Amino acid sequence: MKPKDGPAGWAATPVRARLTLALVLGLAPVLIVGAIQSDIASQREAHARQAELADAAERSAATARARIAAAEVLLQTLAPGSVGYQCATRLAEIKSRIPDYDNLIRFDSIGRVACSGAPITVTSQGGAPYADRPAILASVRALDDQGRFEGVLTAVIDLDSLRPQTLDRSLPVQSQVAITDSVGRILSATNGDSFPADLGANLNGPARTGPRLWFEADRKGSRRVFSSAPLVGQEVYVVLSAPMQGVVSWAVFNPVSGILLPALAFLLPLLAVGFVADQGIVRWIVYLRRIAAIYERGRYSVRPQRAAGAPPEMRQLAESMDAMARTIAARDATLRQSLVEKEDLLREIHHRVKNNLQVISSLLNLQERALDDPVSRAAMSDTRQRISAIALVYRALYQGPDLRRVELRDFLDELIAQILLAESARGAPIRTELHIEALEIDPDHLAPLALFAVEAITNAKKHGLDTCGGVLTVDFRVRGDNAELAITDSGVPGGPPVKVGEGVGRTLMTAFARQLRGEVRYTVNKGGGLTARLIFPTPLAGAS
């Protein structure tokens, strides 16, 4: 049996998929709006962080400039009174109280060192204390009472002391600080590898007069963000370096959190509704579908008892299915009872028809005995045989297990015995050979087949076996879509050749064959006798 094609497209979509799709469409705007808001917030946060880095560079430069300015104010205060025998003592005392200065030095009018707050060494050779430590010299002129130039008072400020501290909370995590000259050469740095090899190109232009921000790879190839601001005129600059993830870490976290939270708000209801739909709807639909499959197999006694714990809608559906099953079961019982009664009625009708035909056959038998004309007696006998064959059909129907089918092998065996037994008192003995294949046949085919067999056997007995007896052979074979019934007599030994005549028997046999949509063939046997062969479509093949 070819399976039915199921529905296609949306009609074939399961309930779980439909609910999921509806929920996705309902919650999708939340996720989309959250993602857009997160992206906008992350961009704002990134710009704010970059602005903070630029402000930090400017604050660092401003702090350093303030220290230089403070040094100049201090030197202007000290300059008039820094001469004399206590010059070195006073400068050393001031240096010890203000550790931000590496040294305080008094030069005379011709550039010689008059005194200093710490020992100094003037040499052109490397290895001196100041040789590897870049410093800034802040100087003021020293004048006498008449305003004449007496020299210069200089404060030595180590560049490392002007460099901002990386522990400053306003700076991004893992920030590095450097002080460079105007050509980009690093004079002092917390970590030189965190800066590019050439800073000069980025210190030109706006960076010479104000802060600047740019992105570049450091010496290790890591992508970082840089900010610079002038420290001393256009000669010294402070440069801040921060990792990209440090500057944009919050900008990265913001979209993640901005997307993650809407995504969780999207997924949690989706999972919750999916779970509820599965447990409250789909599970019961599957259960009721199994019950329906059981009903489809005709087992209406099964009850959906588990549906007592289902939601009200599913419970009502289960109750409706149960009521439907009870109704169908009751209707089936009524139909079965009606069929039984109908079969009983048909059996009774067949039985009565058989009895009536037997009564008619008995009356014909009485009439036959009262006749003296052999031709009339033979005609009466043939008619009685035909009626007895029809009565046998009705008896086979009401005595068999199925009113619509009769086993042909048993029927032909009984029919042949009935025909030969009725004529056994007259004529020579006849031996029968039966070769009948099993076939169940309906009454519409059985009646004309039985009447054909009666005519063929009667003709064989009358014309081939009546005087000397002999062998009557009945063969029935099913050959694919066709069935074949062959009735053969051995004929009269040494008698004249058999001729196929035109009589009532042959006319009836032809009519019965047409009723079966078949044909009759007569064959004269070489050893004597005649074979009447009926070929007709197999009833089962025709029904299919």
Protein backbone atom coordinates (compact mmCIF):
# COMPACT_ATOMS: atom_id res chain seq x y z
CA MET A 1 0.00 0.00 0.00
CA LYS A 2 1.45 3.32 -1.00
CA PRO A 3 1.83 5.71 1.96
CA LYS A 4 -0.15 8.90 1.83
CA ASP A 5 1.78 12.03 1.15
CA GLY A 6 1.82 14.26 4.22
CA PRO A 7 1.25 18.01 4.25
CA ALA A 8 4.08 20.23 3.08
CA GLY A 9 5.35 23.66 4.06
CA TRP A 10 3.92 25.45 7.06
CA ALA A 11 1.24 22.78 7.54
CA ALA A 12 4.00 20.23 8.24
CA THR A 13 5.74 22.41 10.84
CA PRO A 14 5.50 20.90 14.37
CA VAL A 15 3.88 22.82 17.22
CA ARG A 16 7.20 23.15 19.04
CA ALA A 17 8.80 24.81 16.01
CA ARG A 18 5.83 27.15 15.56
CA LEU A 19 5.94 28.27 19.20
CA THR A 20 9.70 28.76 19.03
CA LEU A 21 9.42 30.81 15.84
CA ALA A 22 6.66 32.98 17.34
CA LEU A 23 8.73 33.61 20.46
CA VAL A 24 11.83 34.39 18.40
CA LEU A 25 9.91 36.92 16.34
CA GLY A 26 8.47 38.45 19.51
CA LEU A 27 11.79 38.77 21.34
CA ALA A 28 14.00 39.61 18.35
CA PRO A 29 13.36 43.40 18.68
CA VAL A 30 14.65 43.27 22.27
CA LEU A 31 17.88 41.68 21.11
CA ILE A 32 18.28 44.04 18.15
CA VAL A 33 17.60 47.18 20.22
CA GLY A 34 19.98 45.96 22.92
CA ALA A 35 22.72 45.33 20.38
CA ILE A 36 22.26 48.78 18.82
CA GLN A 37 22.29 50.51 22.20
CA SER A 38 25.34 48.50 23.24
CA ASP A 39 27.20 49.48 20.08
CA ILE A 40 26.38 53.16 20.56
CA ALA A 41 27.41 53.01 24.24
CA SER A 42 30.63 51.19 23.40
CA GLN A 43 31.58 53.81 20.81
CA ARG A 44 30.86 56.59 23.29
CA GLU A 45 32.86 54.79 25.95
CA ALA A 46 35.80 54.27 23.60
CA HIS A 47 35.84 57.95 22.67
CA ALA A 48 35.60 58.90 26.35
CA ARG A 49 38.50 56.61 27.26
CA GLN A 50 40.63 57.98 24.46
CA ALA A 51 39.80 61.52 25.56
CA GLU A 52 40.77 60.58 29.11
CA LEU A 53 44.13 59.29 27.86
CA ALA A 54 44.74 62.55 26.00
CA ASP A 55 43.72 64.51 29.11
CA ALA A 56 46.06 62.40 31.20
CA ALA A 57 48.96 63.28 28.90
CA GLU A 58 48.04 66.95 29.12
CA ARG A 59 47.74 66.75 32.93
CA SER A 60 51.10 65.04 33.17
CA ALA A 61 52.72 67.71 31.01
CA ALA A 62 51.00 70.46 33.01
CA THR A 63 52.23 68.95 36.29
CA ALA A 64 55.80 68.81 34.96
CA ARG A 65 55.59 72.37 33.68
CA ALA A 66 54.31 73.48 37.05
CA ARG A 67 57.32 71.91 38.74
CA ILE A 68 59.68 73.67 36.33
CA ALA A 69 57.88 76.95 36.97
CA ALA A 70 58.14 76.35 40.71
CA ALA A 71 61.86 75.76 40.30
CA GLU A 72 62.22 79.06 38.50
CA VAL A 73 60.34 80.88 41.30
CA LEU A 74 62.58 79.22 43.86
CA LEU A 75 65.73 80.21 41.97
CA GLN A 76 64.57 83.80 41.64
CA THR A 77 64.05 83.86 45.39
CA LEU A 78 67.46 82.41 46.11
CA ALA A 79 69.53 84.26 43.53
CA PRO A 80 70.19 87.57 45.36
CA GLY A 81 71.41 85.88 48.53
CA SER A 82 73.27 82.89 47.21
CA VAL A 83 76.75 84.48 47.11
CA GLY A 84 79.34 84.41 49.79
CA TYR A 85 81.09 81.81 51.90
CA GLN A 86 77.83 80.02 52.87
CA CYS A 87 76.64 79.53 49.30
CA ALA A 88 77.33 75.77 49.16
CA THR A 89 75.88 75.25 52.64
CA ARG A 90 72.66 77.04 51.85
CA LEU A 91 72.21 75.24 48.51
CA ALA A 92 72.87 71.86 50.11
CA GLU A 93 70.34 72.59 52.83
CA ILE A 94 67.71 73.59 50.31
CA LYS A 95 68.40 70.49 48.17
CA SER A 96 68.00 68.25 51.17
CA ARG A 97 64.62 69.81 51.99
CA ILE A 98 63.40 69.70 48.37
CA PRO A 99 64.37 66.25 47.00
CA ASP A 100 62.79 66.94 43.59
CA TYR A 101 66.06 68.63 42.51
CA ASP A 102 69.16 66.61 41.75
CA ASN A 103 71.37 69.66 42.40
CA LEU A 104 71.46 73.44 42.75
CA ILE A 105 74.47 75.12 41.11
CA ARG A 106 75.75 78.76 41.20
CA PHE A 107 77.72 79.85 38.16
CA ASP A 108 79.71 83.14 38.10
CA SER A 109 79.60 85.68 35.33
CA ILE A 110 82.20 83.85 33.22
CA GLY A 111 80.53 80.42 33.58
CA ARG A 112 82.65 78.94 36.33
CA VAL A 113 81.01 76.93 39.14
CA ALA A 114 80.96 79.13 42.20
CA CYS A 115 79.18 76.62 44.47
CA SER A 116 76.67 73.72 44.39
CA GLY A 117 74.37 71.87 46.71
CA ALA A 118 76.03 68.53 45.83
CA PRO A 119 79.41 67.54 44.47
CA ILE A 120 79.66 67.81 40.71
CA THR A 121 82.07 66.57 38.13
CA VAL A 122 82.64 68.36 34.87
CA THR A 123 84.13 66.01 32.28
CA SER A 124 83.88 65.13 28.63
CA GLN A 125 84.33 61.43 29.37
CA GLY A 126 81.46 58.94 29.79
CA GLY A 127 80.59 57.28 33.06
CA ALA A 128 79.88 60.44 35.04
CA PRO A 129 76.88 60.44 37.43
CA TYR A 130 74.75 62.56 35.04
CA ALA A 131 75.93 60.90 31.83
CA ASP A 132 73.07 58.37 31.53
CA ARG A 133 70.39 60.44 33.28
CA PRO A 134 68.79 63.13 31.08
CA ALA A 135 67.91 66.24 33.02
CA ILE A 136 66.41 69.69 32.58
CA LEU A 137 68.35 72.75 33.73
CA ALA A 138 66.23 75.66 35.00
CA SER A 139 68.31 78.83 35.36
CA VAL A 140 67.81 82.47 36.47
CA ARG A 141 70.18 85.44 36.18
CA ALA A 142 71.90 86.77 39.31
CA LEU A 143 72.38 90.57 39.45
CA ASP A 144 74.15 92.78 41.98
CA ASP A 145 72.74 95.91 43.63
CA GLN A 146 73.69 98.02 40.62
CA GLY A 147 71.96 95.53 38.26
CA ARG A 148 75.16 94.15 36.86
CA PHE A 149 75.28 90.46 35.78
CA GLU A 150 76.96 88.31 38.39
CA GLY A 151 76.15 84.82 37.11
CA VAL A 152 73.45 82.21 36.94
CA LEU A 153 71.68 80.06 39.55
CA THR A 154 70.67 76.69 38.05
CA ALA A 155 68.43 73.87 39.29
CA VAL A 156 69.05 70.37 37.88
CA ILE A 157 65.76 68.42 37.50
CA ASP A 158 65.95 64.76 36.54
CA LEU A 159 63.56 63.94 33.70
CA ASP A 160 62.51 60.76 35.51
CA SER A 161 61.11 62.91 38.30
CA LEU A 162 58.98 64.82 35.79
CA ARG A 163 57.58 61.56 34.32
CA PRO A 164 54.02 60.77 35.54
CA GLN A 165 53.59 57.74 37.78
CA THR A 166 51.93 54.72 36.10
CA LEU A 167 50.07 54.03 39.33
CA ASP A 168 47.92 57.06 38.63
CA ARG A 169 44.31 55.80 38.70
CA SER A 170 43.35 58.15 35.91
CA LEU A 171 45.61 56.18 33.54
CA PRO A 172 44.47 52.94 31.88
CA VAL A 173 45.81 49.67 33.22
CA GLN A 174 49.31 48.71 31.99
CA SER A 175 50.01 52.24 30.77
CA GLN A 176 53.61 53.30 30.11
CA VAL A 177 55.11 56.83 30.15
CA ALA A 178 58.00 58.31 28.19
CA ILE A 179 59.64 61.71 27.78
CA THR A 180 61.04 62.42 24.32
CA ASP A 181 62.76 65.21 22.50
CA SER A 182 61.41 66.96 19.43
CA VAL A 183 62.72 64.34 17.00
CA GLY A 184 61.03 61.49 18.87
CA ARG A 185 64.09 60.16 20.68
CA ILE A 186 63.11 58.67 24.04
CA LEU A 187 64.90 60.44 26.89
CA SER A 188 63.20 58.59 29.72
CA ALA A 189 60.62 55.77 29.72
CA THR A 190 59.09 53.29 32.11
CA ASN A 191 59.27 50.61 29.39
CA GLY A 192 60.88 51.52 26.10
CA ASP A 193 59.44 48.44 24.30
CA SER A 194 55.92 49.86 24.74
CA PHE A 195 56.69 52.69 22.30
CA PRO A 196 57.34 52.65 18.55
CA ALA A 197 60.87 52.96 17.26
CA ASP A 198 60.11 56.31 15.60
CA LEU A 199 57.94 58.84 17.43
CA GLY A 200 59.14 61.88 15.51
CA ALA A 201 56.52 61.69 12.75
CA ASN A 202 53.69 61.75 15.27
CA LEU A 203 55.18 64.64 17.27
CA ASN A 204 55.07 67.03 14.31
CA GLY A 205 52.14 69.22 13.53
CA PRO A 206 49.46 69.66 16.21
CA ALA A 207 51.47 67.71 18.81
CA ARG A 208 54.02 70.54 19.02
CA THR A 209 51.49 72.94 20.55
CA GLY A 210 48.81 70.67 22.07
CA PRO A 211 47.88 67.07 22.92
CA ARG A 212 47.56 64.47 20.21
CA LEU A 213 46.13 60.89 20.08
CA TRP A 214 47.05 58.14 17.63
CA PHE A 215 47.20 54.34 17.25
CA GLU A 216 50.36 52.48 16.34
CA ALA A 217 52.25 49.26 16.99
CA ASP A 218 55.00 49.22 19.62
CA ARG A 219 58.41 47.64 19.21
CA LYS A 220 56.94 44.22 20.03
CA GLY A 221 54.29 44.56 17.35
CA SER A 222 51.39 44.98 19.78
CA ARG A 223 48.73 47.47 18.83
CA ARG A 224 48.61 50.36 21.34
CA VAL A 225 47.16 53.83 21.66
CA PHE A 226 49.45 56.82 22.24
CA SER A 227 48.88 60.36 23.52
CA SER A 228 51.44 63.17 23.62
CA ALA A 229 51.62 66.69 25.01
CA PRO A 230 54.48 69.31 24.99
CA LEU A 231 56.43 69.48 28.21
CA VAL A 232 59.02 72.18 27.61
CA GLY A 233 58.23 74.42 24.65
CA GLN A 234 58.57 72.39 21.48
CA GLU A 235 61.65 70.51 22.58
CA VAL A 236 60.48 68.00 25.19
CA TYR A 237 57.26 65.98 25.19
CA VAL A 238 55.50 63.57 27.50
CA VAL A 239 54.03 60.50 25.73
CA LEU A 240 51.57 58.01 27.24
CA SER A 241 51.20 54.48 25.84
CA ALA A 242 48.29 52.17 26.72
CA PRO A 243 47.27 48.77 25.32
CA MET A 244 44.27 48.77 23.04
CA GLN A 245 42.44 46.33 25.29
CA GLY A 246 43.15 48.59 28.22
CA VAL A 247 41.70 51.65 26.58
CA VAL A 248 38.75 49.86 25.04
CA SER A 249 38.29 47.20 27.73
CA TRP A 250 35.18 48.88 29.01
CA ALA A 251 34.10 49.56 25.44
CA VAL A 252 34.52 45.84 24.79
CA PHE A 253 32.78 44.87 28.00
CA ASN A 254 29.93 47.23 27.29
CA PRO A 255 28.84 45.56 23.99
CA VAL A 256 29.37 42.13 25.52
CA SER A 257 27.22 42.99 28.49
CA GLY A 258 24.87 45.00 26.30
CA ILE A 259 24.41 42.03 23.98
CA LEU A 260 24.71 39.31 26.62
CA LEU A 261 21.99 40.68 28.83
CA PRO A 262 19.45 41.06 25.98
CA ALA A 263 20.57 37.66 24.71
CA LEU A 264 19.89 36.16 28.14
CA ALA A 265 16.59 38.00 28.22
CA PHE A 266 15.95 36.44 24.81
CA LEU A 267 17.13 32.92 25.57
CA LEU A 268 15.68 32.46 29.05
CA PRO A 269 12.06 33.14 28.00
CA LEU A 270 12.68 31.07 24.88
CA LEU A 271 13.88 28.12 26.96
CA ALA A 272 11.16 28.63 29.54
CA VAL A 273 8.38 28.78 26.97
CA GLY A 274 9.95 25.89 25.07
CA PHE A 275 10.03 23.79 28.24
CA VAL A 276 6.46 24.70 29.16
CA ALA A 277 5.30 24.07 25.58
CA ASP A 278 7.05 20.71 25.54
CA GLN A 279 5.71 19.61 28.91
CA GLY A 280 2.29 21.21 28.67
CA ILE A 281 1.44 20.83 24.99
CA VAL A 282 3.78 18.75 22.85
CA ARG A 283 4.12 15.91 25.35
CA TRP A 284 0.35 15.50 25.56
CA ILE A 285 -0.08 15.82 21.81
CA VAL A 286 2.41 12.97 21.35
CA TYR A 287 0.57 10.93 23.96
CA LEU A 288 -2.81 11.55 22.34
CA ARG A 289 -1.32 10.75 18.95
CA ARG A 290 -0.24 7.35 20.28
CA ILE A 291 -3.76 6.80 21.59
CA ALA A 292 -5.17 7.76 18.18
CA ALA A 293 -2.78 5.28 16.51
CA ILE A 294 -4.12 2.56 18.81
CA TYR A 295 -7.67 3.55 17.87
CA GLU A 296 -6.65 3.40 14.21
CA ARG A 297 -5.78 -0.28 14.70
CA GLY A 298 -9.28 -0.90 16.02
CA ARG A 299 -8.46 -1.17 19.73
CA TYR A 300 -11.14 1.13 21.08
CA SER A 301 -11.02 -0.33 24.58
CA VAL A 302 -7.85 1.65 25.44
CA ARG A 303 -8.54 4.73 27.57
CA PRO A 304 -6.29 7.84 27.81
CA GLN A 305 -6.02 7.61 31.60
CA ARG A 306 -2.72 9.51 31.82
CA ALA A 307 -4.47 12.58 30.41
CA ALA A 308 -6.01 13.16 33.84
CA GLY A 309 -2.85 15.14 34.71
CA ALA A 310 -2.85 17.14 31.47
CA PRO A 311 -3.85 20.80 31.10
CA PRO A 312 -7.62 21.39 30.84
CA GLU A 313 -7.58 21.82 27.06
CA MET A 314 -5.64 18.59 26.52
CA ARG A 315 -7.80 16.81 29.08
CA GLN A 316 -10.93 17.91 27.23
CA LEU A 317 -9.43 16.70 23.96
CA ALA A 318 -8.61 13.35 25.57
CA GLU A 319 -12.16 13.10 26.92
CA SER A 320 -13.52 13.85 23.44
CA MET A 321 -11.30 11.16 21.94
CA ASP A 322 -12.42 8.72 24.63
CA ALA A 323 -16.07 9.52 23.97
CA MET A 324 -15.47 9.14 20.24
CA ALA A 325 -13.79 5.77 20.81
CA ARG A 326 -16.69 4.59 22.95
CA THR A 327 -19.15 5.71 20.29
CA ILE A 328 -17.19 3.95 17.54
CA ALA A 329 -16.88 0.81 19.66
CA ALA A 330 -20.62 0.81 20.31
CA ARG A 331 -21.32 1.42 16.64
CA ASP A 332 -18.91 -1.37 15.65
CA ALA A 333 -20.63 -3.71 18.05
CA THR A 334 -23.98 -2.78 16.54
CA LEU A 335 -22.62 -3.26 13.01
CA ARG A 336 -21.10 -6.61 13.93
CA GLN A 337 -24.35 -7.71 15.44
CA SER A 338 -26.18 -6.52 12.36
CA LEU A 339 -23.74 -8.40 10.14
CA VAL A 340 -24.16 -11.55 12.19
CA GLU A 341 -27.92 -11.24 11.94
CA LYS A 342 -27.65 -10.56 8.22
CA GLU A 343 -25.41 -13.59 7.71
CA ASP A 344 -27.80 -15.70 9.72
CA LEU A 345 -30.65 -14.42 7.60
CA LEU A 346 -28.75 -15.15 4.38
CA ARG A 347 -27.90 -18.64 5.59
CA GLU A 348 -31.54 -19.21 6.38
CA ILE A 349 -32.53 -17.93 2.94
CA HIS A 350 -29.93 -20.15 1.22
CA HIS A 351 -31.15 -23.07 3.30
CA ARG A 352 -34.75 -22.50 2.35
CA VAL A 353 -33.87 -22.01 -1.32
CA LYS A 354 -31.93 -25.27 -1.21
CA ASN A 355 -34.88 -27.02 0.41
CA ASN A 356 -37.27 -25.64 -2.18
CA LEU A 357 -34.98 -26.74 -4.99
CA GLN A 358 -34.78 -30.20 -3.46
CA VAL A 359 -38.56 -30.30 -3.32
CA ILE A 360 -38.65 -29.36 -6.99
CA SER A 361 -36.00 -31.99 -7.73
CA SER A 362 -38.06 -34.61 -5.92
CA LEU A 363 -41.18 -33.66 -7.84
CA LEU A 364 -39.24 -33.91 -11.11
CA ASN A 365 -37.96 -37.32 -10.01
CA LEU A 366 -41.53 -38.48 -9.39
CA GLN A 367 -42.60 -37.09 -12.74
CA GLU A 368 -39.64 -38.81 -14.43
CA ARG A 369 -40.69 -42.16 -13.03
CA ALA A 370 -44.19 -41.70 -14.33
CA LEU A 371 -42.98 -41.13 -17.92
CA ASP A 372 -42.65 -43.99 -20.39
CA ASP A 373 -40.90 -42.11 -23.19
CA PRO A 374 -37.09 -42.49 -22.86
CA VAL A 375 -36.44 -39.12 -24.46
CA SER A 376 -38.77 -37.40 -22.05
CA ARG A 377 -37.29 -39.28 -19.12
CA ALA A 378 -33.76 -38.23 -20.22
CA ALA A 379 -34.83 -34.58 -20.54
CA MET A 380 -36.50 -34.72 -17.13
CA SER A 381 -33.38 -36.28 -15.62
CA ASP A 382 -31.13 -33.61 -17.09
CA THR A 383 -33.35 -30.88 -15.70
CA ARG A 384 -33.35 -32.52 -12.28
CA GLN A 385 -29.54 -32.70 -12.33
CA ARG A 386 -29.30 -29.02 -13.12
CA ILE A 387 -31.65 -28.10 -10.28
CA SER A 388 -29.74 -30.37 -7.88
CA ALA A 389 -26.50 -28.63 -8.88
CA ILE A 390 -27.99 -25.22 -8.06
CA ALA A 391 -29.30 -26.59 -4.75
CA LEU A 392 -25.81 -27.85 -3.98
CA VAL A 393 -24.48 -24.31 -4.57
CA TYR A 394 -26.88 -22.92 -1.98
CA ARG A 395 -26.03 -25.67 0.48
CA ALA A 396 -22.31 -24.98 0.10
CA LEU A 397 -22.96 -21.31 0.80
CA TYR A 398 -24.96 -21.67 4.01
CA GLN A 399 -22.86 -24.53 5.39
CA GLY A 400 -19.50 -22.86 4.69
CA PRO A 401 -17.72 -20.43 7.02
CA ASP A 402 -18.00 -17.58 4.50
CA LEU A 403 -21.13 -16.66 2.64
CA ARG A 404 -19.06 -14.95 -0.06
CA ARG A 405 -16.57 -17.74 -0.83
CA VAL A 406 -16.73 -21.49 -1.50
CA GLU A 407 -13.82 -23.90 -1.73
CA LEU A 408 -14.05 -25.21 -5.31
CA ARG A 409 -12.18 -28.50 -4.71
CA ASP A 410 -14.68 -29.76 -2.12
CA PHE A 411 -17.62 -28.50 -4.14
CA LEU A 412 -16.62 -30.23 -7.40
CA ASP A 413 -15.85 -33.45 -5.54
CA GLU A 414 -19.33 -33.48 -4.03
CA LEU A 415 -21.02 -32.37 -7.27
CA ILE A 416 -19.43 -35.15 -9.34
CA ALA A 417 -20.31 -37.72 -6.70
CA GLN A 418 -23.91 -36.49 -6.67
CA ILE A 419 -24.25 -36.70 -10.47
CA LEU A 420 -22.72 -40.20 -10.76
CA LEU A 421 -24.59 -41.48 -7.72
CA ALA A 422 -27.93 -40.49 -9.21
CA GLU A 423 -27.21 -42.61 -12.33
CA SER A 424 -25.37 -45.45 -10.61
CA ALA A 425 -28.35 -47.78 -10.83
CA ARG A 426 -28.34 -47.53 -14.61
CA GLY A 427 -25.48 -48.20 -17.00
CA ALA A 428 -21.96 -49.60 -16.56
CA PRO A 429 -19.71 -48.62 -13.64
CA ILE A 430 -17.62 -45.46 -14.03
CA ARG A 431 -14.28 -44.75 -12.37
CA THR A 432 -13.39 -41.11 -11.65
CA GLU A 433 -10.03 -39.36 -11.51
CA LEU A 434 -10.04 -35.90 -9.98
CA HIS A 435 -7.14 -33.40 -10.19
CA ILE A 436 -8.49 -30.19 -8.72
CA GLU A 437 -6.40 -27.31 -7.45
CA ALA A 438 -7.60 -25.27 -4.49
CA LEU A 439 -9.45 -22.07 -5.28
CA GLU A 440 -11.99 -20.04 -3.36
CA ILE A 441 -14.72 -18.82 -5.69
CA ASP A 442 -17.69 -16.51 -5.24
CA PRO A 443 -21.34 -17.54 -5.91
CA ASP A 444 -21.57 -15.48 -9.12
CA HIS A 445 -18.87 -17.67 -10.68
CA LEU A 446 -19.76 -20.86 -8.87
CA ALA A 447 -23.29 -21.29 -10.28
CA PRO A 448 -22.41 -21.16 -14.02
CA LEU A 449 -19.29 -23.26 -13.36
CA ALA A 450 -21.36 -25.90 -11.58
CA LEU A 451 -23.95 -25.95 -14.39
CA PHE A 452 -21.18 -26.27 -17.00
CA ALA A 453 -19.75 -29.23 -15.08
CA VAL A 454 -23.20 -30.84 -14.90
CA GLU A 455 -23.68 -30.55 -18.68
CA ALA A 456 -20.17 -31.78 -19.47
CA ILE A 457 -20.35 -34.78 -17.12
CA THR A 458 -23.87 -35.66 -18.27
CA ASN A 459 -22.78 -35.59 -21.95
CA ALA A 460 -19.65 -37.63 -21.18
CA LYS A 461 -21.68 -40.26 -19.33
CA LYS A 462 -24.43 -40.31 -21.93
CA HIS A 463 -22.25 -40.49 -25.07
CA GLY A 464 -18.95 -42.00 -23.91
CA LEU A 465 -19.44 -44.02 -20.75
CA ASP A 466 -23.03 -45.21 -20.71
CA THR A 467 -22.66 -48.54 -22.52
CA CYS A 468 -19.24 -49.84 -21.46
CA GLY A 469 -18.32 -47.64 -18.56
CA GLY A 470 -14.81 -46.27 -18.37
CA VAL A 471 -12.86 -43.43 -16.77
CA LEU A 472 -14.13 -39.92 -16.13
CA THR A 473 -11.30 -37.44 -15.54
CA VAL A 474 -11.87 -33.98 -14.10
CA ASP A 475 -8.95 -31.53 -14.07
CA PHE A 476 -9.00 -28.01 -12.69
CA ARG A 477 -5.91 -25.84 -12.95
CA VAL A 478 -5.19 -22.19 -12.21
CA ARG A 479 -2.76 -20.80 -14.78
CA GLY A 480 -1.98 -17.23 -13.79
CA ASP A 481 -4.86 -14.96 -14.69
CA ASN A 482 -6.87 -17.82 -16.24
CA ALA A 483 -8.43 -20.94 -14.80
CA GLU A 484 -9.17 -24.12 -16.76
CA LEU A 485 -11.72 -26.86 -16.13
CA ALA A 486 -11.28 -29.97 -18.32
CA ILE A 487 -13.72 -32.94 -18.25
CA THR A 488 -12.58 -36.00 -20.23
CA ASP A 489 -14.19 -39.38 -20.85
CA SER A 490 -12.33 -42.47 -22.06
CA GLY A 491 -14.99 -43.11 -24.75
CA VAL A 492 -16.29 -46.42 -26.19
CA PRO A 493 -13.47 -48.87 -26.96
CA GLY A 494 -13.50 -49.70 -30.70
CA GLY A 495 -16.48 -47.47 -31.25
CA PRO A 496 -17.00 -44.98 -34.09
CA PRO A 497 -15.09 -41.68 -34.03
CA VAL A 498 -16.56 -39.12 -31.72
CA LYS A 499 -18.33 -36.18 -33.33
CA VAL A 500 -19.10 -32.90 -31.65
CA GLY A 501 -22.75 -32.30 -32.31
CA GLU A 502 -25.04 -29.33 -31.93
CA GLY A 503 -27.50 -29.91 -29.12
CA VAL A 504 -29.05 -28.32 -26.06
CA GLY A 505 -26.14 -29.40 -23.87
CA ARG A 506 -23.53 -27.66 -26.04
CA THR A 507 -25.71 -24.57 -26.30
CA LEU A 508 -26.02 -24.39 -22.51
CA MET A 509 -22.27 -24.96 -22.03
CA THR A 510 -21.51 -22.11 -24.42
CA ALA A 511 -23.95 -19.85 -22.56
CA PHE A 512 -22.40 -20.73 -19.18
CA ALA A 513 -18.91 -20.00 -20.58
CA ARG A 514 -20.02 -16.60 -21.79
CA GLN A 515 -21.47 -15.90 -18.37
CA LEU A 516 -18.00 -16.56 -16.97
CA ARG A 517 -16.42 -14.39 -19.73
CA GLY A 518 -14.62 -17.49 -20.94
CA GLU A 519 -14.64 -19.91 -23.86
CA VAL A 520 -15.28 -23.61 -24.51
CA ARG A 521 -12.95 -25.88 -26.44
CA TYR A 522 -13.73 -29.47 -27.49
CA THR A 523 -10.94 -31.90 -28.21
CA VAL A 524 -11.32 -35.43 -29.59
CA ASN A 525 -8.84 -37.66 -27.82
CA LYS A 526 -6.58 -40.00 -29.83
CA GLY A 527 -7.37 -42.96 -27.62
CA GLY A 528 -11.05 -42.27 -27.77
CA GLY A 529 -13.42 -40.06 -25.94
CA LEU A 530 -13.87 -36.32 -25.81
CA THR A 531 -12.49 -33.47 -23.66
CA ALA A 532 -14.64 -30.44 -22.92
CA ARG A 533 -12.40 -27.60 -21.74
CA LEU A 534 -13.67 -24.37 -20.12
CA ILE A 535 -11.15 -21.49 -19.91
CA PHE A 536 -12.19 -18.40 -17.99
CA PRO A 537 -10.53 -15.56 -16.04
CA THR A 538 -9.53 -16.51 -12.53
CA PRO A 539 -12.09 -14.94 -10.19
CA LEU A 540 -9.42 -13.55 -7.86
CA ALA A 541 -7.49 -12.04 -10.77
CA GLY A 542 -10.63 -10.44 -12.14
CA ALA A 543 -11.54 -9.02 -8.75
CA SER A 544 -8.16 -7.35 -8.37
